Every structure is written in structure tokens, then in C-alpha cells.
C-alpha atoms as a PDB file:
ATOM      1  CA  MET A   1     130.263  88.362 -52.916  1.00  0.00           C
ATOM      2  CA  SER A   2     126.958  87.712 -51.222  1.00  0.00           C
ATOM      3  CA  LEU A   3     127.149  86.493 -47.637  1.00  0.00           C
ATOM      4  CA  LYS A   4     124.386  83.921 -47.159  1.00  0.00           C
ATOM      5  CA  SER A   5     125.316  83.717 -43.473  1.00  0.00           C
ATOM      6  CA  LEU A   6     123.728  87.122 -42.815  1.00  0.00           C
ATOM      7  CA  ALA A   7     120.285  85.583 -43.375  1.00  0.00           C
ATOM      8  CA  LEU A   8     120.777  83.678 -40.112  1.00  0.00           C
ATOM      9  CA  ILE A   9     119.433  86.760 -38.311  1.00  0.00           C
ATOM     10  CA  GLU A  10     116.004  85.621 -39.578  1.00  0.00           C
ATOM     11  CA  ASN A  11     116.237  82.829 -36.981  1.00  0.00           C
ATOM     12  CA  TRP A  12     116.966  85.134 -34.056  1.00  0.00           C
ATOM     13  CA  PRO A  13     114.064  85.486 -31.576  1.00  0.00           C
ATOM     14  CA  VAL A  14     113.870  89.265 -32.028  1.00  0.00           C
ATOM     15  CA  PRO A  15     111.186  91.569 -33.488  1.00  0.00           C
ATOM     16  CA  THR A  16     113.599  93.449 -35.788  1.00  0.00           C
ATOM     17  CA  ALA A  17     117.209  92.778 -36.823  1.00  0.00           C
ATOM     18  CA  ALA A  18     119.609  94.090 -39.439  1.00  0.00           C
ATOM     19  CA  ALA A  19     123.205  93.150 -40.203  1.00  0.00           C
ATOM     20  CA  ALA A  20     126.030  93.907 -42.612  1.00  0.00           C
ATOM     21  CA  VAL A  21     129.662  93.051 -43.319  1.00  0.00           C
ATOM     22  CA  VAL A  22     132.083  95.671 -44.636  1.00  0.00           C
ATOM     23  CA  ARG A  23     135.704  95.705 -45.815  1.00  0.00           C
ATOM     24  CA  ALA A  24     138.235  98.391 -44.898  1.00  0.00           C
ATOM     25  CA  ASP A  25     137.708 100.160 -48.242  1.00  0.00           C
ATOM     26  CA  GLY A  26     133.991 100.506 -47.495  1.00  0.00           C
ATOM     27  CA  THR A  27     132.969  97.651 -49.806  1.00  0.00           C
ATOM     28  CA  LEU A  28     129.765  96.116 -48.492  1.00  0.00           C
ATOM     29  CA  LEU A  29     130.047  92.341 -48.726  1.00  0.00           C
ATOM     30  CA  GLY A  30     126.442  91.818 -47.749  1.00  0.00           C
ATOM     31  CA  THR A  31     123.492  93.236 -45.831  1.00  0.00           C
ATOM     32  CA  HIS A  32     120.300  91.746 -44.443  1.00  0.00           C
ATOM     33  CA  GLY A  33     117.258  93.347 -42.873  1.00  0.00           C
ATOM     34  CA  PRO A  34     116.251  97.022 -42.572  1.00  0.00           C
ATOM     35  CA  VAL A  35     119.716  98.635 -42.618  1.00  0.00           C
ATOM     36  CA  GLY A  36     118.182 102.128 -42.425  1.00  0.00           C
ATOM     37  CA  HIS A  37     116.172 101.370 -39.261  1.00  0.00           C
ATOM     38  CA  ARG A  38     117.313 103.359 -36.188  1.00  0.00           C
ATOM     39  CA  PHE A  39     118.094 101.164 -33.187  1.00  0.00           C
ATOM     40  CA  PRO A  40     119.190 102.123 -29.659  1.00  0.00           C
ATOM     41  CA  LEU A  41     122.863 101.098 -29.493  1.00  0.00           C
ATOM     42  CA  ALA A  42     123.303 100.758 -25.711  1.00  0.00           C
ATOM     43  CA  SER A  43     127.037 100.205 -25.136  1.00  0.00           C
ATOM     44  CA  VAL A  44     127.905 100.108 -28.845  1.00  0.00           C
ATOM     45  CA  THR A  45     127.789 103.882 -28.204  1.00  0.00           C
ATOM     46  CA  LYS A  46     131.160 103.585 -26.409  1.00  0.00           C
ATOM     47  CA  PRO A  47     133.382 102.985 -29.479  1.00  0.00           C
ATOM     48  CA  LEU A  48     131.849 106.087 -31.111  1.00  0.00           C
ATOM     49  CA  ALA A  49     132.489 108.137 -27.954  1.00  0.00           C
ATOM     50  CA  ALA A  50     136.024 106.748 -27.746  1.00  0.00           C
ATOM     51  CA  TYR A  51     136.717 107.719 -31.344  1.00  0.00           C
ATOM     52  CA  ALA A  52     135.598 111.273 -30.584  1.00  0.00           C
ATOM     53  CA  ALA A  53     137.942 111.274 -27.569  1.00  0.00           C
ATOM     54  CA  LEU A  54     140.818 110.234 -29.837  1.00  0.00           C
ATOM     55  CA  VAL A  55     139.971 113.080 -32.232  1.00  0.00           C
ATOM     56  CA  ALA A  56     140.079 115.461 -29.233  1.00  0.00           C
ATOM     57  CA  TYR A  57     143.491 114.011 -28.361  1.00  0.00           C
ATOM     58  CA  GLU A  58     144.834 114.485 -31.901  1.00  0.00           C
ATOM     59  CA  GLU A  59     143.440 118.032 -31.988  1.00  0.00           C
ATOM     60  CA  GLY A  60     145.391 118.791 -28.813  1.00  0.00           C
ATOM     61  CA  ALA A  61     142.285 119.459 -26.698  1.00  0.00           C
ATOM     62  CA  ILE A  62     143.201 116.648 -24.278  1.00  0.00           C
ATOM     63  CA  GLU A  63     146.104 114.294 -23.534  1.00  0.00           C
ATOM     64  CA  LEU A  64     145.554 110.581 -22.991  1.00  0.00           C
ATOM     65  CA  ASP A  65     147.619 110.619 -19.810  1.00  0.00           C
ATOM     66  CA  GLU A  66     146.244 113.788 -18.244  1.00  0.00           C
ATOM     67  CA  PRO A  67     144.153 113.547 -15.050  1.00  0.00           C
ATOM     68  CA  ALA A  68     140.442 112.835 -15.662  1.00  0.00           C
ATOM     69  CA  GLY A  69     137.792 111.170 -13.536  1.00  0.00           C
ATOM     70  CA  PRO A  70     138.559 110.153  -9.942  1.00  0.00           C
ATOM     71  CA  ALA A  71     141.868 110.900  -8.184  1.00  0.00           C
ATOM     72  CA  GLY A  72     144.795 109.095  -9.813  1.00  0.00           C
ATOM     73  CA  SER A  73     142.823 108.373 -12.995  1.00  0.00           C
ATOM     74  CA  THR A  74     143.560 109.638 -16.518  1.00  0.00           C
ATOM     75  CA  VAL A  75     141.716 109.846 -19.851  1.00  0.00           C
ATOM     76  CA  ARG A  76     143.437 106.545 -20.750  1.00  0.00           C
ATOM     77  CA  HIS A  77     142.118 104.876 -17.571  1.00  0.00           C
ATOM     78  CA  LEU A  78     138.567 106.040 -18.374  1.00  0.00           C
ATOM     79  CA  LEU A  79     138.783 104.712 -21.951  1.00  0.00           C
ATOM     80  CA  ALA A  80     140.200 101.363 -20.770  1.00  0.00           C
ATOM     81  CA  HIS A  81     137.754 100.827 -17.879  1.00  0.00           C
ATOM     82  CA  THR A  82     140.527 100.998 -15.279  1.00  0.00           C
ATOM     83  CA  SER A  83     139.611 104.288 -13.547  1.00  0.00           C
ATOM     84  CA  GLY A  84     138.241 102.393 -10.544  1.00  0.00           C
ATOM     85  CA  LEU A  85     134.749 103.857 -10.965  1.00  0.00           C
ATOM     86  CA  ALA A  86     131.715 101.642 -10.348  1.00  0.00           C
ATOM     87  CA  PHE A  87     129.572 100.294 -13.175  1.00  0.00           C
ATOM     88  CA  ASP A  88     126.719 102.799 -13.083  1.00  0.00           C
ATOM     89  CA  GLU A  89     127.564 104.952 -10.062  1.00  0.00           C
ATOM     90  CA  HIS A  90     130.024 107.802  -9.719  1.00  0.00           C
ATOM     91  CA  ARG A  91     131.811 106.210  -6.775  1.00  0.00           C
ATOM     92  CA  VAL A  92     135.312 104.762  -6.603  1.00  0.00           C
ATOM     93  CA  MET A  93     135.609 100.994  -6.109  1.00  0.00           C
ATOM     94  CA  ALA A  94     139.368 100.529  -6.624  1.00  0.00           C
ATOM     95  CA  PRO A  95     142.564 102.535  -7.230  1.00  0.00           C
ATOM     96  CA  ALA A  96     143.109 103.544 -10.876  1.00  0.00           C
ATOM     97  CA  GLY A  97     144.868 100.913 -12.996  1.00  0.00           C
ATOM     98  CA  GLU A  98     144.300  98.047 -10.568  1.00  0.00           C
ATOM     99  CA  ARG A  99     141.152  96.328 -11.840  1.00  0.00           C
ATOM    100  CA  ARG A 100     139.128  96.286 -15.048  1.00  0.00           C
ATOM    101  CA  LEU A 101     135.854  97.657 -13.702  1.00  0.00           C
ATOM    102  CA  TYR A 102     133.575  98.101 -16.700  1.00  0.00           C
ATOM    103  CA  SER A 103     132.066 101.522 -16.105  1.00  0.00           C
ATOM    104  CA  ASN A 104     129.328 103.579 -17.729  1.00  0.00           C
ATOM    105  CA  ALA A 105     130.130 106.255 -15.144  1.00  0.00           C
ATOM    106  CA  GLY A 106     133.687 106.376 -16.481  1.00  0.00           C
ATOM    107  CA  PHE A 107     132.494 107.181 -19.999  1.00  0.00           C
ATOM    108  CA  GLU A 108     130.146 109.827 -18.604  1.00  0.00           C
ATOM    109  CA  GLN A 109     133.080 111.468 -16.809  1.00  0.00           C
ATOM    110  CA  LEU A 110     135.099 111.182 -20.041  1.00  0.00           C
ATOM    111  CA  GLY A 111     132.322 113.010 -21.921  1.00  0.00           C
ATOM    112  CA  ASP A 112     132.227 115.741 -19.245  1.00  0.00           C
ATOM    113  CA  HIS A 113     136.015 116.093 -19.380  1.00  0.00           C
ATOM    114  CA  ILE A 114     136.022 116.552 -23.171  1.00  0.00           C
ATOM    115  CA  ALA A 115     133.077 118.982 -23.016  1.00  0.00           C
ATOM    116  CA  LYS A 116     135.004 121.138 -20.522  1.00  0.00           C
ATOM    117  CA  ALA A 117     138.235 120.948 -22.542  1.00  0.00           C
ATOM    118  CA  THR A 118     136.565 121.877 -25.860  1.00  0.00           C
ATOM    119  CA  ASP A 119     133.742 124.077 -24.538  1.00  0.00           C
ATOM    120  CA  ILE A 120     131.351 122.017 -26.700  1.00  0.00           C
ATOM    121  CA  ALA A 121     128.633 119.694 -25.339  1.00  0.00           C
ATOM    122  CA  PHE A 122     129.889 116.141 -25.853  1.00  0.00           C
ATOM    123  CA  ALA A 123     126.974 115.050 -28.076  1.00  0.00           C
ATOM    124  CA  GLU A 124     127.721 118.001 -30.362  1.00  0.00           C
ATOM    125  CA  TYR A 125     131.469 117.307 -30.272  1.00  0.00           C
ATOM    126  CA  LEU A 126     130.794 113.691 -31.326  1.00  0.00           C
ATOM    127  CA  ARG A 127     128.627 114.945 -34.177  1.00  0.00           C
ATOM    128  CA  GLN A 128     131.258 117.389 -35.438  1.00  0.00           C
ATOM    129  CA  ALA A 129     134.275 115.125 -34.877  1.00  0.00           C
ATOM    130  CA  VAL A 130     132.980 111.749 -36.069  1.00  0.00           C
ATOM    131  CA  LEU A 131     129.378 111.516 -37.262  1.00  0.00           C
ATOM    132  CA  GLU A 132     129.304 114.410 -39.730  1.00  0.00           C
ATOM    133  CA  PRO A 133     132.684 113.709 -41.412  1.00  0.00           C
ATOM    134  CA  LEU A 134     131.692 110.053 -41.922  1.00  0.00           C
ATOM    135  CA  GLY A 135     128.225 110.903 -43.271  1.00  0.00           C
ATOM    136  CA  MET A 136     126.510 109.160 -40.343  1.00  0.00           C
ATOM    137  CA  VAL A 137     123.366 111.247 -40.780  1.00  0.00           C
ATOM    138  CA  SER A 138     121.029 108.861 -38.928  1.00  0.00           C
ATOM    139  CA  THR A 139     123.183 108.630 -35.781  1.00  0.00           C
ATOM    140  CA  SER A 140     122.766 110.759 -32.662  1.00  0.00           C
ATOM    141  CA  LEU A 141     123.771 110.768 -29.015  1.00  0.00           C
ATOM    142  CA  GLU A 142     120.669 111.297 -26.925  1.00  0.00           C
ATOM    143  CA  GLY A 143     122.114 111.299 -23.414  1.00  0.00           C
ATOM    144  CA  SER A 144     124.968 109.352 -21.851  1.00  0.00           C
ATOM    145  CA  PRO A 145     128.175 108.837 -23.920  1.00  0.00           C
ATOM    146  CA  ALA A 146     128.215 105.334 -22.399  1.00  0.00           C
ATOM    147  CA  LYS A 147     124.924 104.047 -23.733  1.00  0.00           C
ATOM    148  CA  ASP A 148     122.513 106.511 -25.330  1.00  0.00           C
ATOM    149  CA  GLY A 149     123.512 106.438 -28.998  1.00  0.00           C
ATOM    150  CA  VAL A 150     120.936 105.665 -31.692  1.00  0.00           C
ATOM    151  CA  SER A 151     122.064 104.536 -35.136  1.00  0.00           C
ATOM    152  CA  THR A 152     121.520 102.340 -38.187  1.00  0.00           C
ATOM    153  CA  VAL A 153     123.496  99.490 -39.719  1.00  0.00           C
ATOM    154  CA  GLU A 154     123.993 101.761 -42.740  1.00  0.00           C
ATOM    155  CA  ASP A 155     125.759 104.347 -40.563  1.00  0.00           C
ATOM    156  CA  LEU A 156     127.751 101.904 -38.466  1.00  0.00           C
ATOM    157  CA  VAL A 157     129.323 100.248 -41.511  1.00  0.00           C
ATOM    158  CA  ARG A 158     130.744 103.696 -42.354  1.00  0.00           C
ATOM    159  CA  PHE A 159     132.261 103.816 -38.885  1.00  0.00           C
ATOM    160  CA  ALA A 160     133.543 100.225 -39.164  1.00  0.00           C
ATOM    161  CA  ALA A 161     135.226 101.038 -42.490  1.00  0.00           C
ATOM    162  CA  GLU A 162     136.824 104.135 -40.912  1.00  0.00           C
ATOM    163  CA  VAL A 163     138.265 102.168 -37.989  1.00  0.00           C
ATOM    164  CA  GLN A 164     139.759  99.615 -40.412  1.00  0.00           C
ATOM    165  CA  ALA A 165     141.299 102.325 -42.637  1.00  0.00           C
ATOM    166  CA  PRO A 166     141.393 105.571 -40.632  1.00  0.00           C
ATOM    167  CA  ARG A 167     140.959 108.930 -42.322  1.00  0.00           C
ATOM    168  CA  LEU A 168     139.853 110.990 -39.314  1.00  0.00           C
ATOM    169  CA  LEU A 169     142.746 109.777 -37.149  1.00  0.00           C
ATOM    170  CA  ASP A 170     146.393 108.825 -37.542  1.00  0.00           C
ATOM    171  CA  PRO A 171     146.469 105.030 -38.048  1.00  0.00           C
ATOM    172  CA  ARG A 172     148.947 104.818 -35.138  1.00  0.00           C
ATOM    173  CA  THR A 173     146.327 106.294 -32.781  1.00  0.00           C
ATOM    174  CA  VAL A 174     143.797 103.671 -33.902  1.00  0.00           C
ATOM    175  CA  ALA A 175     146.429 100.930 -33.552  1.00  0.00           C
ATOM    176  CA  ASP A 176     146.882 102.090 -29.944  1.00  0.00           C
ATOM    177  CA  ALA A 177     143.110 101.857 -29.415  1.00  0.00           C
ATOM    178  CA  MET A 178     143.205  98.202 -30.540  1.00  0.00           C
ATOM    179  CA  THR A 179     146.189  97.408 -28.284  1.00  0.00           C
ATOM    180  CA  VAL A 180     145.739  96.000 -24.784  1.00  0.00           C
ATOM    181  CA  GLN A 181     145.964  98.754 -22.161  1.00  0.00           C
ATOM    182  CA  TYR A 182     147.175  97.718 -18.703  1.00  0.00           C
ATOM    183  CA  PRO A 183     147.935  94.088 -19.707  1.00  0.00           C
ATOM    184  CA  GLY A 184     147.117  91.330 -17.250  1.00  0.00           C
ATOM    185  CA  THR A 185     144.273  93.254 -15.591  1.00  0.00           C
ATOM    186  CA  LYS A 186     141.433  91.063 -14.320  1.00  0.00           C
ATOM    187  CA  GLY A 187     137.776  92.001 -14.465  1.00  0.00           C
ATOM    188  CA  VAL A 188     134.209  91.056 -15.315  1.00  0.00           C
ATOM    189  CA  LEU A 189     132.912  91.129 -18.888  1.00  0.00           C
ATOM    190  CA  PRO A 190     129.208  92.049 -18.459  1.00  0.00           C
ATOM    191  CA  GLY A 191     127.029  89.060 -19.308  1.00  0.00           C
ATOM    192  CA  TYR A 192     130.025  86.685 -19.431  1.00  0.00           C
ATOM    193  CA  GLY A 193     131.473  86.756 -15.925  1.00  0.00           C
ATOM    194  CA  HIS A 194     135.006  87.036 -14.569  1.00  0.00           C
ATOM    195  CA  GLN A 195     137.844  87.034 -17.102  1.00  0.00           C
ATOM    196  CA  SER A 196     141.552  86.819 -16.318  1.00  0.00           C
ATOM    197  CA  PRO A 197     142.948  88.699 -18.060  1.00  0.00           C
ATOM    198  CA  ASN A 198     140.098  90.946 -19.195  1.00  0.00           C
ATOM    199  CA  ASP A 199     141.733  92.712 -22.123  1.00  0.00           C
ATOM    200  CA  TRP A 200     140.597  96.116 -23.430  1.00  0.00           C
ATOM    201  CA  GLY A 201     142.041  98.742 -25.697  1.00  0.00           C
ATOM    202  CA  LEU A 202     140.874 102.368 -25.710  1.00  0.00           C
ATOM    203  CA  GLY A 203     137.077 102.101 -25.854  1.00  0.00           C
ATOM    204  CA  PHE A 204     137.204  98.760 -27.672  1.00  0.00           C
ATOM    205  CA  GLU A 205     137.078  95.327 -26.067  1.00  0.00           C
ATOM    206  CA  ILE A 206     139.791  92.978 -27.370  1.00  0.00           C
ATOM    207  CA  ARG A 207     138.906  89.331 -27.821  1.00  0.00           C
ATOM    208  CA  ASP A 208     142.287  87.689 -27.207  1.00  0.00           C
ATOM    209  CA  SER A 209     141.654  84.256 -25.636  1.00  0.00           C
ATOM    210  CA  LYS A 210     138.478  85.117 -23.701  1.00  0.00           C
ATOM    211  CA  SER A 211     136.070  82.236 -23.215  1.00  0.00           C
ATOM    212  CA  PRO A 212     133.112  82.393 -23.175  1.00  0.00           C
ATOM    213  CA  HIS A 213     132.798  85.322 -25.557  1.00  0.00           C
ATOM    214  CA  TRP A 214     130.193  87.023 -27.741  1.00  0.00           C
ATOM    215  CA  THR A 215     132.280  86.652 -30.944  1.00  0.00           C
ATOM    216  CA  GLY A 216     132.940  83.300 -32.648  1.00  0.00           C
ATOM    217  CA  SER A 217     135.239  80.418 -31.795  1.00  0.00           C
ATOM    218  CA  SER A 218     136.981  81.098 -35.122  1.00  0.00           C
ATOM    219  CA  SER A 219     137.341  84.856 -34.488  1.00  0.00           C
ATOM    220  CA  SER A 220     141.006  85.839 -34.401  1.00  0.00           C
ATOM    221  CA  PRO A 221     142.453  86.897 -31.009  1.00  0.00           C
ATOM    222  CA  ARG A 222     143.023  90.335 -32.594  1.00  0.00           C
ATOM    223  CA  THR A 223     139.266  90.840 -33.035  1.00  0.00           C
ATOM    224  CA  PHE A 224     137.997  93.919 -31.227  1.00  0.00           C
ATOM    225  CA  GLY A 225     134.680  95.727 -30.872  1.00  0.00           C
ATOM    226  CA  HIS A 226     131.751  96.054 -28.503  1.00  0.00           C
ATOM    227  CA  PHE A 227     128.317  94.662 -27.788  1.00  0.00           C
ATOM    228  CA  GLY A 228     125.339  96.408 -26.235  1.00  0.00           C
ATOM    229  CA  GLN A 229     122.620  95.407 -23.791  1.00  0.00           C
ATOM    230  CA  SER A 230     120.017  96.415 -26.385  1.00  0.00           C
ATOM    231  CA  GLY A 231     121.009  93.348 -28.452  1.00  0.00           C
ATOM    232  CA  THR A 232     123.605  95.045 -30.653  1.00  0.00           C
ATOM    233  CA  PHE A 233     127.215  94.398 -31.647  1.00  0.00           C
ATOM    234  CA  LEU A 234     130.067  95.566 -33.825  1.00  0.00           C
ATOM    235  CA  TRP A 235     133.227  93.516 -34.308  1.00  0.00           C
ATOM    236  CA  ILE A 236     136.286  94.111 -36.459  1.00  0.00           C
ATOM    237  CA  ASP A 237     138.532  91.144 -37.260  1.00  0.00           C
ATOM    238  CA  PRO A 238     141.808  92.397 -38.763  1.00  0.00           C
ATOM    239  CA  VAL A 239     142.815  88.859 -39.781  1.00  0.00           C
ATOM    240  CA  ALA A 240     139.560  88.368 -41.710  1.00  0.00           C
ATOM    241  CA  GLY A 241     139.923  91.888 -43.111  1.00  0.00           C
ATOM    242  CA  ALA A 242     136.294  92.742 -42.390  1.00  0.00           C
ATOM    243  CA  ALA A 243     133.869  94.089 -39.812  1.00  0.00           C
ATOM    244  CA  CYS A 244     130.353  92.991 -38.924  1.00  0.00           C
ATOM    245  CA  VAL A 245     127.498  95.035 -37.469  1.00  0.00           C
ATOM    246  CA  ALA A 246     124.279  93.522 -36.125  1.00  0.00           C
ATOM    247  CA  LEU A 247     121.502  95.561 -34.497  1.00  0.00           C
ATOM    248  CA  THR A 248     118.307  94.261 -32.909  1.00  0.00           C
ATOM    249  CA  ASP A 249     115.496  95.551 -30.717  1.00  0.00           C
ATOM    250  CA  ARG A 250     115.580  92.780 -28.101  1.00  0.00           C
ATOM    251  CA  ALA A 251     117.644  93.104 -24.939  1.00  0.00           C
ATOM    252  CA  PHE A 252     120.821  91.027 -24.686  1.00  0.00           C
ATOM    253  CA  GLY A 253     120.292  87.740 -22.885  1.00  0.00           C
ATOM    254  CA  PRO A 254     120.623  83.954 -23.240  1.00  0.00           C
ATOM    255  CA  TRP A 255     119.300  84.153 -26.835  1.00  0.00           C
ATOM    256  CA  ALA A 256     122.276  86.338 -27.844  1.00  0.00           C
ATOM    257  CA  ILE A 257     124.828  84.250 -25.938  1.00  0.00           C
ATOM    258  CA  GLU A 258     123.600  81.283 -27.987  1.00  0.00           C
ATOM    259  CA  ALA A 259     123.022  82.955 -31.379  1.00  0.00           C
ATOM    260  CA  TRP A 260     125.874  85.436 -31.820  1.00  0.00           C
ATOM    261  CA  PRO A 261     128.974  83.157 -31.780  1.00  0.00           C
ATOM    262  CA  ALA A 262     127.433  80.722 -34.297  1.00  0.00           C
ATOM    263  CA  PHE A 263     126.424  83.652 -36.501  1.00  0.00           C
ATOM    264  CA  THR A 264     129.945  85.112 -36.372  1.00  0.00           C
ATOM    265  CA  ASP A 265     131.518  81.743 -37.192  1.00  0.00           C
ATOM    266  CA  ALA A 266     129.175  81.403 -40.184  1.00  0.00           C
ATOM    267  CA  VAL A 267     130.126  84.909 -41.402  1.00  0.00           C
ATOM    268  CA  LEU A 268     133.841  84.112 -41.056  1.00  0.00           C
ATOM    269  CA  THR A 269     133.368  80.836 -42.946  1.00  0.00           C
ATOM    270  CA  ASP A 270     131.632  82.795 -45.723  1.00  0.00           C
ATOM    271  CA  LEU A 271     134.474  85.312 -45.800  1.00  0.00           C
ATOM    272  CA  ARG A 272     137.029  82.533 -46.206  1.00  0.00           C
ATOM    273  CA  GLY A 273     134.803  81.459 -49.081  1.00  0.00           C
END
């Protein structure tokens, strides 16, 4: 199957873009653009960091409900953006579990917590736990676990196939990561404003009935993933049985808010064939 919809990235007002769609078994349904080009991921780094945290949990290095981050917060709170930490500052804005405060600082504290628990720098732990086993040779973490990953479409489709059919983790752990944590919690989705509820799993944003949203109007409510401020996204739609990765080198903004949902709807139409 060749997905003609992927060529729509040619119309995006960006210098460079690449995209691909992959099934759970790793079958590539289509690619477009320079899939080997390394792009800064921005917040698409977070699902990779979260996956490493889940490996640490399964290895017994950490527990999801052990204290981590500010007082009253746990590893689970940090992964689900409910630790109460501010967006980019290591200061507490709310009690843990009360509000969905999207937080880069929370993922940085998560990385520090795992580094202490494993006695391995988090970037190296991510490499050993996730990147190397999946053959993601062009991916690296070059700073914050919240936003400083660099990768290729080629590598991220390996990750997207893994999340759909886990080999590194127990499928039940991944199912938990795609399940709403702290249901009913309100919060702001960066770039899209206040959402009630603002549903998240463990390191993955869950679409549910959010509107407006960066995925498509025909995306299933079970769709989960992440987008990044560097003009990047990864979504997995379990109902469609496929995942889509798109990476660009233009910062997220009105162009993406306009282009991404129509692109996703076109991909889903193609998949329904």
C-alpha cells in the first residue's frame, strides 16, 4: 500500500519535512521526504523518556508510586504532568494530583530520579534501555529528557512499532501508559488552550474528545502520542492499527494548527482505503 496522503507534507510551509506511517508489525505503509535526516524532536522526546522510565520500573529500579519530584508527588505524577511543577521552572504551582500542569521541569526531575536510582546518567540509560535494543542508531538525548532528543523518521517508526506491539515491555505496562491517569483533571494543552478534562497517560497525551486538537477530526478517541514545539509529532491510533510520524524544522505555530489535522485525516482516509 502506498499512502498518497504523505505527499501533503510538500505543501507545508517548512524548509524540510519527512513523514511515515507504520503498522504494529513494523510494516512501513509509506514514507515521504528525507527519513534519515536528524531533526530536533522538542517534546516528542518525552514519550522516549517515558518508555525508558517504564523499563526502569519493570527492571525494579523504581516504582511508579514511589515519591519523586516535589513533596507529595510520585513517578506516576511526573509522567502524567500532575506533579504540580511549573512548565519550565522547578517551582511548585499546585498540590500533586490536583491539576494537569504540563511540565518540562517534571520530566527533568524524572530523569534525575532515574539516574540516581540506576547510577547511570539518564541519556545513557535511555540509550541502553530503549534506543539500542530498537536499533535507533540515529537518535540521541542531548540535554533535557523533556525536550532535547534528536532523531529521524526512520528511527521513530521503530519506536512507534514497538509501542504498538511491545517487546521491551510487558504489554500491560504499555496499556497503562495509554490509559488516562487521574481522570477528570483539567489543564492547558500547550498551543491549544484550556481543556477540561485534559487527559494524559504516562508520558503520552490521550486524544479522547479534546477540541481543538493537533490530530484529525477522524482520529479515534483512543489515539495517543505527542507533538513538539520544533514542528514534530508522533501519533498512534489503535483503532486504525497504525502510527504516523512527521518531523519538520520549523517551529510549531499557526501553520501546524492548520496543516496537521487535515494531514492526519487524509492519512486515516488512505488507511481505510
